Amino acid sequence: MIHKINSQHIVSYDSEIRSNFKQNICIRSVVSFAERIKSFILSCFKYIKDTFSNLFISKKTISSSKARSPGVYRIVRKEDQTKIFELIHTMGLSANNWSKYPSLALKQSKLKQLSRDIKNVHVLKFLEFIFLSPTLVKDIKEIMKDSWIRKNFMTPLCRNLNFALQVEGRDKHLTKFTKALKIDKKALIPYFDEKDWYGLVNYLCKIKR
């Protein structure tokens, strides 16, 4: 027996198929867009990581026959002051604010160039300049609160401090450093003896404003 098919049912079924098809396309589009956003964010984080991987220090090890000098312990030149300020202030403004990480990634080339330009600044003079600037003190405090930026900032800084300590010893510039910051030298000696550079920076953040 041949059954008659209601044309309305066909139209209704066809409409349902088209609706499902459009929904599937929409879902796939959303998923594809989300994947592109995810890829973009991961790329940004990679750029940021690359930016801070080796600030202030080259990749050469201390044992290298061509190991660099710790730098000359002298007054930071005006052009170096400007570069240090831009470097630290840029990181400080981005610290604890994930929404600013992508814009920070776009500045990686500039930040790398700044770090190369100040490579001859002695690490203690670098810290001295930061902690004598009220603006940079606020920035460094924000950096130390941001676990990711703090790590990428402190890792090369620790290498620089270790290098200077190995080459020059503890007391060569410590008295002048503490005098410039108007702090008790005895308070810093334990940090240098233990090579506790995180503790040193946190202590300076605590007492300086």
C-alpha atoms as a PDB file:
ATOM      1  CA  MET A   1       0.000   0.000   0.000  1.00  0.00           C
ATOM      2  CA  ILE A   2       1.287   3.407  -0.930  1.00  0.00           C
ATOM      3  CA  HIS A   3       0.973   5.999   1.788  1.00  0.00           C
ATOM      4  CA  LYS A   4       0.533   9.625   0.988  1.00  0.00           C
ATOM      5  CA  ILE A   5       3.091  11.858   2.587  1.00  0.00           C
ATOM      6  CA  ASN A   6       1.862  15.100   3.998  1.00  0.00           C
ATOM      7  CA  SER A   7       3.727  18.000   2.353  1.00  0.00           C
ATOM      8  CA  GLN A   8       3.564  19.985   5.576  1.00  0.00           C
ATOM      9  CA  HIS A   9       5.502  17.257   7.348  1.00  0.00           C
ATOM     10  CA  ILE A  10       8.182  17.392   4.662  1.00  0.00           C
ATOM     11  CA  VAL A  11       8.483  21.154   4.952  1.00  0.00           C
ATOM     12  CA  SER A  12       8.629  20.883   8.738  1.00  0.00           C
ATOM     13  CA  TYR A  13      11.298  18.153   8.608  1.00  0.00           C
ATOM     14  CA  ASP A  14      13.326  20.076   6.041  1.00  0.00           C
ATOM     15  CA  SER A  15      13.167  23.201   8.169  1.00  0.00           C
ATOM     16  CA  GLU A  16      14.384  21.246  11.183  1.00  0.00           C
ATOM     17  CA  ILE A  17      17.338  19.859   9.236  1.00  0.00           C
ATOM     18  CA  ARG A  18      18.357  23.317   8.046  1.00  0.00           C
ATOM     19  CA  SER A  19      18.033  24.687  11.574  1.00  0.00           C
ATOM     20  CA  ASN A  20      20.238  21.915  12.976  1.00  0.00           C
ATOM     21  CA  PHE A  21      22.728  22.478  10.176  1.00  0.00           C
ATOM     22  CA  LYS A  22      22.943  26.190  10.947  1.00  0.00           C
ATOM     23  CA  GLN A  23      23.361  25.454  14.647  1.00  0.00           C
ATOM     24  CA  ASN A  24      26.203  23.049  13.933  1.00  0.00           C
ATOM     25  CA  ILE A  25      27.910  25.628  11.729  1.00  0.00           C
ATOM     26  CA  CYS A  26      27.465  28.244  14.446  1.00  0.00           C
ATOM     27  CA  ILE A  27      28.925  25.921  17.090  1.00  0.00           C
ATOM     28  CA  ARG A  28      31.888  25.062  14.884  1.00  0.00           C
ATOM     29  CA  SER A  29      32.472  28.763  14.230  1.00  0.00           C
ATOM     30  CA  VAL A  30      32.412  29.551  17.931  1.00  0.00           C
ATOM     31  CA  VAL A  31      34.797  26.703  18.698  1.00  0.00           C
ATOM     32  CA  SER A  32      37.122  27.801  15.905  1.00  0.00           C
ATOM     33  CA  PHE A  33      37.063  31.389  17.159  1.00  0.00           C
ATOM     34  CA  ALA A  34      37.771  30.236  20.714  1.00  0.00           C
ATOM     35  CA  GLU A  35      40.738  28.196  19.477  1.00  0.00           C
ATOM     36  CA  ARG A  36      42.130  31.239  17.677  1.00  0.00           C
ATOM     37  CA  ILE A  37      41.731  33.358  20.817  1.00  0.00           C
ATOM     38  CA  LYS A  38      43.462  30.651  22.871  1.00  0.00           C
ATOM     39  CA  SER A  39      46.301  30.477  20.354  1.00  0.00           C
ATOM     40  CA  PHE A  40      46.681  34.272  20.445  1.00  0.00           C
ATOM     41  CA  ILE A  41      46.816  34.366  24.248  1.00  0.00           C
ATOM     42  CA  LEU A  42      49.387  31.564  24.381  1.00  0.00           C
ATOM     43  CA  SER A  43      51.473  33.415  21.804  1.00  0.00           C
ATOM     44  CA  CYS A  44      51.302  36.566  23.914  1.00  0.00           C
ATOM     45  CA  PHE A  45      52.471  34.688  27.000  1.00  0.00           C
ATOM     46  CA  LYS A  46      55.343  33.214  25.004  1.00  0.00           C
ATOM     47  CA  TYR A  47      56.373  36.681  23.861  1.00  0.00           C
ATOM     48  CA  ILE A  48      56.242  37.962  27.434  1.00  0.00           C
ATOM     49  CA  LYS A  49      58.322  35.037  28.665  1.00  0.00           C
ATOM     50  CA  ASP A  50      60.883  35.675  25.946  1.00  0.00           C
ATOM     51  CA  THR A  51      60.922  39.346  26.905  1.00  0.00           C
ATOM     52  CA  PHE A  52      61.970  38.728  30.492  1.00  0.00           C
ATOM     53  CA  SER A  53      63.978  35.535  30.102  1.00  0.00           C
ATOM     54  CA  ASN A  54      67.401  37.194  30.148  1.00  0.00           C
ATOM     55  CA  LEU A  55      67.032  40.795  31.257  1.00  0.00           C
ATOM     56  CA  PHE A  56      70.152  42.577  32.489  1.00  0.00           C
ATOM     57  CA  ILE A  57      72.485  39.642  31.814  1.00  0.00           C
ATOM     58  CA  SER A  58      73.823  37.706  28.867  1.00  0.00           C
ATOM     59  CA  LYS A  59      73.472  33.947  28.422  1.00  0.00           C
ATOM     60  CA  LYS A  60      77.206  33.443  29.026  1.00  0.00           C
ATOM     61  CA  THR A  61      77.991  31.633  32.250  1.00  0.00           C
ATOM     62  CA  ILE A  62      80.259  33.008  34.915  1.00  0.00           C
ATOM     63  CA  SER A  63      82.838  30.309  34.164  1.00  0.00           C
ATOM     64  CA  SER A  64      83.177  31.451  30.558  1.00  0.00           C
ATOM     65  CA  SER A  65      86.614  32.734  29.601  1.00  0.00           C
ATOM     66  CA  LYS A  66      84.867  35.788  28.197  1.00  0.00           C
ATOM     67  CA  ALA A  67      82.654  36.378  31.233  1.00  0.00           C
ATOM     68  CA  ARG A  68      81.487  39.971  31.413  1.00  0.00           C
ATOM     69  CA  SER A  69      82.443  42.509  34.047  1.00  0.00           C
ATOM     70  CA  PRO A  70      79.994  43.263  36.892  1.00  0.00           C
ATOM     71  CA  GLY A  71      80.015  46.823  35.603  1.00  0.00           C
ATOM     72  CA  VAL A  72      81.586  49.984  36.912  1.00  0.00           C
ATOM     73  CA  TYR A  73      80.312  51.149  40.293  1.00  0.00           C
ATOM     74  CA  ARG A  74      79.628  54.760  39.416  1.00  0.00           C
ATOM     75  CA  ILE A  75      76.796  57.265  39.261  1.00  0.00           C
ATOM     76  CA  VAL A  76      74.189  56.045  36.796  1.00  0.00           C
ATOM     77  CA  ARG A  77      74.324  58.201  33.690  1.00  0.00           C
ATOM     78  CA  LYS A  78      71.266  60.220  32.728  1.00  0.00           C
ATOM     79  CA  GLU A  79      70.579  58.137  29.628  1.00  0.00           C
ATOM     80  CA  ASP A  80      70.815  54.931  31.692  1.00  0.00           C
ATOM     81  CA  GLN A  81      68.494  56.386  34.314  1.00  0.00           C
ATOM     82  CA  THR A  82      65.887  57.027  31.635  1.00  0.00           C
ATOM     83  CA  LYS A  83      66.183  53.469  30.333  1.00  0.00           C
ATOM     84  CA  ILE A  84      66.025  51.846  33.764  1.00  0.00           C
ATOM     85  CA  PHE A  85      62.974  53.926  34.609  1.00  0.00           C
ATOM     86  CA  GLU A  86      61.177  52.916  31.414  1.00  0.00           C
ATOM     87  CA  LEU A  87      62.058  49.256  31.886  1.00  0.00           C
ATOM     88  CA  ILE A  88      60.924  48.937  35.502  1.00  0.00           C
ATOM     89  CA  HIS A  89      57.931  51.254  35.158  1.00  0.00           C
ATOM     90  CA  THR A  90      56.630  49.304  32.151  1.00  0.00           C
ATOM     91  CA  MET A  91      56.802  46.053  34.128  1.00  0.00           C
ATOM     92  CA  GLY A  92      55.331  47.664  37.224  1.00  0.00           C
ATOM     93  CA  LEU A  93      52.309  48.979  35.346  1.00  0.00           C
ATOM     94  CA  SER A  94      51.632  45.513  33.925  1.00  0.00           C
ATOM     95  CA  ALA A  95      52.156  43.571  37.161  1.00  0.00           C
ATOM     96  CA  ASN A  96      49.062  41.985  38.735  1.00  0.00           C
ATOM     97  CA  ASN A  97      46.981  42.905  35.696  1.00  0.00           C
ATOM     98  CA  TRP A  98      46.578  40.058  33.213  1.00  0.00           C
ATOM     99  CA  SER A  99      44.662  42.283  30.819  1.00  0.00           C
ATOM    100  CA  LYS A 100      47.889  44.227  30.209  1.00  0.00           C
ATOM    101  CA  TYR A 101      50.049  41.174  29.493  1.00  0.00           C
ATOM    102  CA  PRO A 102      49.291  41.166  25.733  1.00  0.00           C
ATOM    103  CA  SER A 103      50.286  44.834  25.403  1.00  0.00           C
ATOM    104  CA  LEU A 104      53.418  44.055  27.396  1.00  0.00           C
ATOM    105  CA  ALA A 105      54.257  41.296  24.935  1.00  0.00           C
ATOM    106  CA  LEU A 106      54.121  43.764  22.072  1.00  0.00           C
ATOM    107  CA  LYS A 107      56.852  45.784  23.785  1.00  0.00           C
ATOM    108  CA  GLN A 108      59.294  42.882  24.015  1.00  0.00           C
ATOM    109  CA  SER A 109      61.716  44.214  21.409  1.00  0.00           C
ATOM    110  CA  LYS A 110      61.885  47.581  23.139  1.00  0.00           C
ATOM    111  CA  LEU A 111      62.383  46.020  26.573  1.00  0.00           C
ATOM    112  CA  LYS A 112      65.120  43.711  25.317  1.00  0.00           C
ATOM    113  CA  GLN A 113      66.920  46.661  23.800  1.00  0.00           C
ATOM    114  CA  LEU A 114      66.639  48.600  27.056  1.00  0.00           C
ATOM    115  CA  SER A 115      68.104  45.667  28.981  1.00  0.00           C
ATOM    116  CA  ARG A 116      71.017  45.437  26.557  1.00  0.00           C
ATOM    117  CA  ASP A 117      71.641  49.166  26.795  1.00  0.00           C
ATOM    118  CA  ILE A 118      72.051  49.083  30.588  1.00  0.00           C
ATOM    119  CA  LYS A 119      74.153  45.910  30.786  1.00  0.00           C
ATOM    120  CA  ASN A 120      77.184  47.889  31.993  1.00  0.00           C
ATOM    121  CA  VAL A 121      75.321  49.418  34.934  1.00  0.00           C
ATOM    122  CA  HIS A 122      76.534  47.811  38.155  1.00  0.00           C
ATOM    123  CA  VAL A 123      73.799  45.693  39.727  1.00  0.00           C
ATOM    124  CA  LEU A 124      73.973  47.566  43.054  1.00  0.00           C
ATOM    125  CA  LYS A 125      73.774  50.907  41.270  1.00  0.00           C
ATOM    126  CA  PHE A 126      70.795  49.511  39.382  1.00  0.00           C
ATOM    127  CA  LEU A 127      69.069  48.648  42.673  1.00  0.00           C
ATOM    128  CA  GLU A 128      70.158  51.928  44.227  1.00  0.00           C
ATOM    129  CA  PHE A 129      68.541  53.919  41.440  1.00  0.00           C
ATOM    130  CA  ILE A 130      65.304  51.948  41.756  1.00  0.00           C
ATOM    131  CA  PHE A 131      65.026  52.366  45.520  1.00  0.00           C
ATOM    132  CA  LEU A 132      65.817  56.076  45.428  1.00  0.00           C
ATOM    133  CA  SER A 133      62.886  56.675  43.074  1.00  0.00           C
ATOM    134  CA  PRO A 134      59.457  56.775  44.788  1.00  0.00           C
ATOM    135  CA  THR A 135      57.764  55.815  41.511  1.00  0.00           C
ATOM    136  CA  LEU A 136      60.022  52.824  40.893  1.00  0.00           C
ATOM    137  CA  VAL A 137      59.693  51.711  44.510  1.00  0.00           C
ATOM    138  CA  LYS A 138      55.947  51.416  43.916  1.00  0.00           C
ATOM    139  CA  ASP A 139      56.616  49.576  40.661  1.00  0.00           C
ATOM    140  CA  ILE A 140      59.050  47.087  42.203  1.00  0.00           C
ATOM    141  CA  LYS A 141      56.565  46.366  44.987  1.00  0.00           C
ATOM    142  CA  GLU A 142      53.943  45.520  42.366  1.00  0.00           C
ATOM    143  CA  ILE A 143      56.448  43.358  40.485  1.00  0.00           C
ATOM    144  CA  MET A 144      57.246  41.407  43.652  1.00  0.00           C
ATOM    145  CA  LYS A 145      53.538  40.711  44.174  1.00  0.00           C
ATOM    146  CA  ASP A 146      53.147  39.234  40.697  1.00  0.00           C
ATOM    147  CA  SER A 147      54.492  35.674  40.866  1.00  0.00           C
ATOM    148  CA  TRP A 148      55.123  35.378  37.132  1.00  0.00           C
ATOM    149  CA  ILE A 149      56.748  38.757  36.470  1.00  0.00           C
ATOM    150  CA  ARG A 150      58.618  38.541  39.784  1.00  0.00           C
ATOM    151  CA  LYS A 151      60.258  35.268  38.762  1.00  0.00           C
ATOM    152  CA  ASN A 152      61.294  36.570  35.367  1.00  0.00           C
ATOM    153  CA  PHE A 153      62.613  39.778  36.920  1.00  0.00           C
ATOM    154  CA  MET A 154      64.437  38.178  39.844  1.00  0.00           C
ATOM    155  CA  THR A 155      66.097  35.273  38.015  1.00  0.00           C
ATOM    156  CA  PRO A 156      68.528  37.422  35.994  1.00  0.00           C
ATOM    157  CA  LEU A 157      68.893  39.867  38.890  1.00  0.00           C
ATOM    158  CA  CYS A 158      69.990  37.008  41.162  1.00  0.00           C
ATOM    159  CA  ARG A 159      72.541  35.890  38.589  1.00  0.00           C
ATOM    160  CA  ASN A 160      73.923  39.424  38.418  1.00  0.00           C
ATOM    161  CA  LEU A 161      74.186  39.675  42.200  1.00  0.00           C
ATOM    162  CA  ASN A 162      75.847  36.267  42.452  1.00  0.00           C
ATOM    163  CA  PHE A 163      78.313  37.249  39.754  1.00  0.00           C
ATOM    164  CA  ALA A 164      79.196  40.566  41.398  1.00  0.00           C
ATOM    165  CA  LEU A 165      79.572  38.840  44.772  1.00  0.00           C
ATOM    166  CA  GLN A 166      81.882  36.196  43.308  1.00  0.00           C
ATOM    167  CA  VAL A 167      84.076  38.678  41.437  1.00  0.00           C
ATOM    168  CA  GLU A 168      84.166  41.575  43.917  1.00  0.00           C
ATOM    169  CA  GLY A 169      83.295  40.101  47.297  1.00  0.00           C
ATOM    170  CA  ARG A 170      80.661  41.306  49.721  1.00  0.00           C
ATOM    171  CA  ASP A 171      82.212  44.451  51.162  1.00  0.00           C
ATOM    172  CA  LYS A 172      83.674  46.218  48.161  1.00  0.00           C
ATOM    173  CA  HIS A 173      80.593  48.364  47.481  1.00  0.00           C
ATOM    174  CA  LEU A 174      78.157  47.415  50.265  1.00  0.00           C
ATOM    175  CA  THR A 175      79.051  50.368  52.510  1.00  0.00           C
ATOM    176  CA  LYS A 176      78.548  52.871  49.684  1.00  0.00           C
ATOM    177  CA  PHE A 177      75.305  51.122  48.661  1.00  0.00           C
ATOM    178  CA  THR A 178      73.780  51.256  52.145  1.00  0.00           C
ATOM    179  CA  LYS A 179      74.976  54.822  52.679  1.00  0.00           C
ATOM    180  CA  ALA A 180      73.277  55.958  49.468  1.00  0.00           C
ATOM    181  CA  LEU A 181      70.016  54.307  50.564  1.00  0.00           C
ATOM    182  CA  LYS A 182      70.441  55.526  54.168  1.00  0.00           C
ATOM    183  CA  ILE A 183      70.020  52.091  55.679  1.00  0.00           C
ATOM    184  CA  ASP A 184      72.012  50.060  58.198  1.00  0.00           C
ATOM    185  CA  LYS A 185      74.710  47.980  56.541  1.00  0.00           C
ATOM    186  CA  LYS A 186      74.397  45.316  59.233  1.00  0.00           C
ATOM    187  CA  ALA A 187      70.800  44.720  58.190  1.00  0.00           C
ATOM    188  CA  LEU A 188      71.877  43.697  54.684  1.00  0.00           C
ATOM    189  CA  ILE A 189      74.897  41.542  55.520  1.00  0.00           C
ATOM    190  CA  PRO A 190      72.840  38.384  56.239  1.00  0.00           C
ATOM    191  CA  TYR A 191      71.167  38.628  52.818  1.00  0.00           C
ATOM    192  CA  PHE A 192      74.551  38.840  51.093  1.00  0.00           C
ATOM    193  CA  ASP A 193      76.081  36.064  53.191  1.00  0.00           C
ATOM    194  CA  GLU A 194      73.145  33.751  52.424  1.00  0.00           C
ATOM    195  CA  LYS A 195      72.770  34.999  48.849  1.00  0.00           C
ATOM    196  CA  ASP A 196      69.128  35.580  49.718  1.00  0.00           C
ATOM    197  CA  TRP A 197      68.382  38.037  46.935  1.00  0.00           C
ATOM    198  CA  TYR A 198      64.607  37.640  47.147  1.00  0.00           C
ATOM    199  CA  GLY A 199      64.883  38.485  50.830  1.00  0.00           C
ATOM    200  CA  LEU A 200      67.088  41.465  50.014  1.00  0.00           C
ATOM    201  CA  VAL A 201      64.647  42.965  47.539  1.00  0.00           C
ATOM    202  CA  ASN A 202      61.671  42.275  49.809  1.00  0.00           C
ATOM    203  CA  TYR A 203      63.497  43.942  52.706  1.00  0.00           C
ATOM    204  CA  LEU A 204      64.264  47.012  50.600  1.00  0.00           C
ATOM    205  CA  CYS A 205      60.623  47.115  49.472  1.00  0.00           C
ATOM    206  CA  LYS A 206      59.557  47.028  53.118  1.00  0.00           C
ATOM    207  CA  ILE A 207      61.731  49.895  54.357  1.00  0.00           C
ATOM    208  CA  LYS A 208      61.704  52.183  51.292  1.00  0.00           C
ATOM    209  CA  ARG A 209      58.777  54.296  50.114  1.00  0.00           C
END
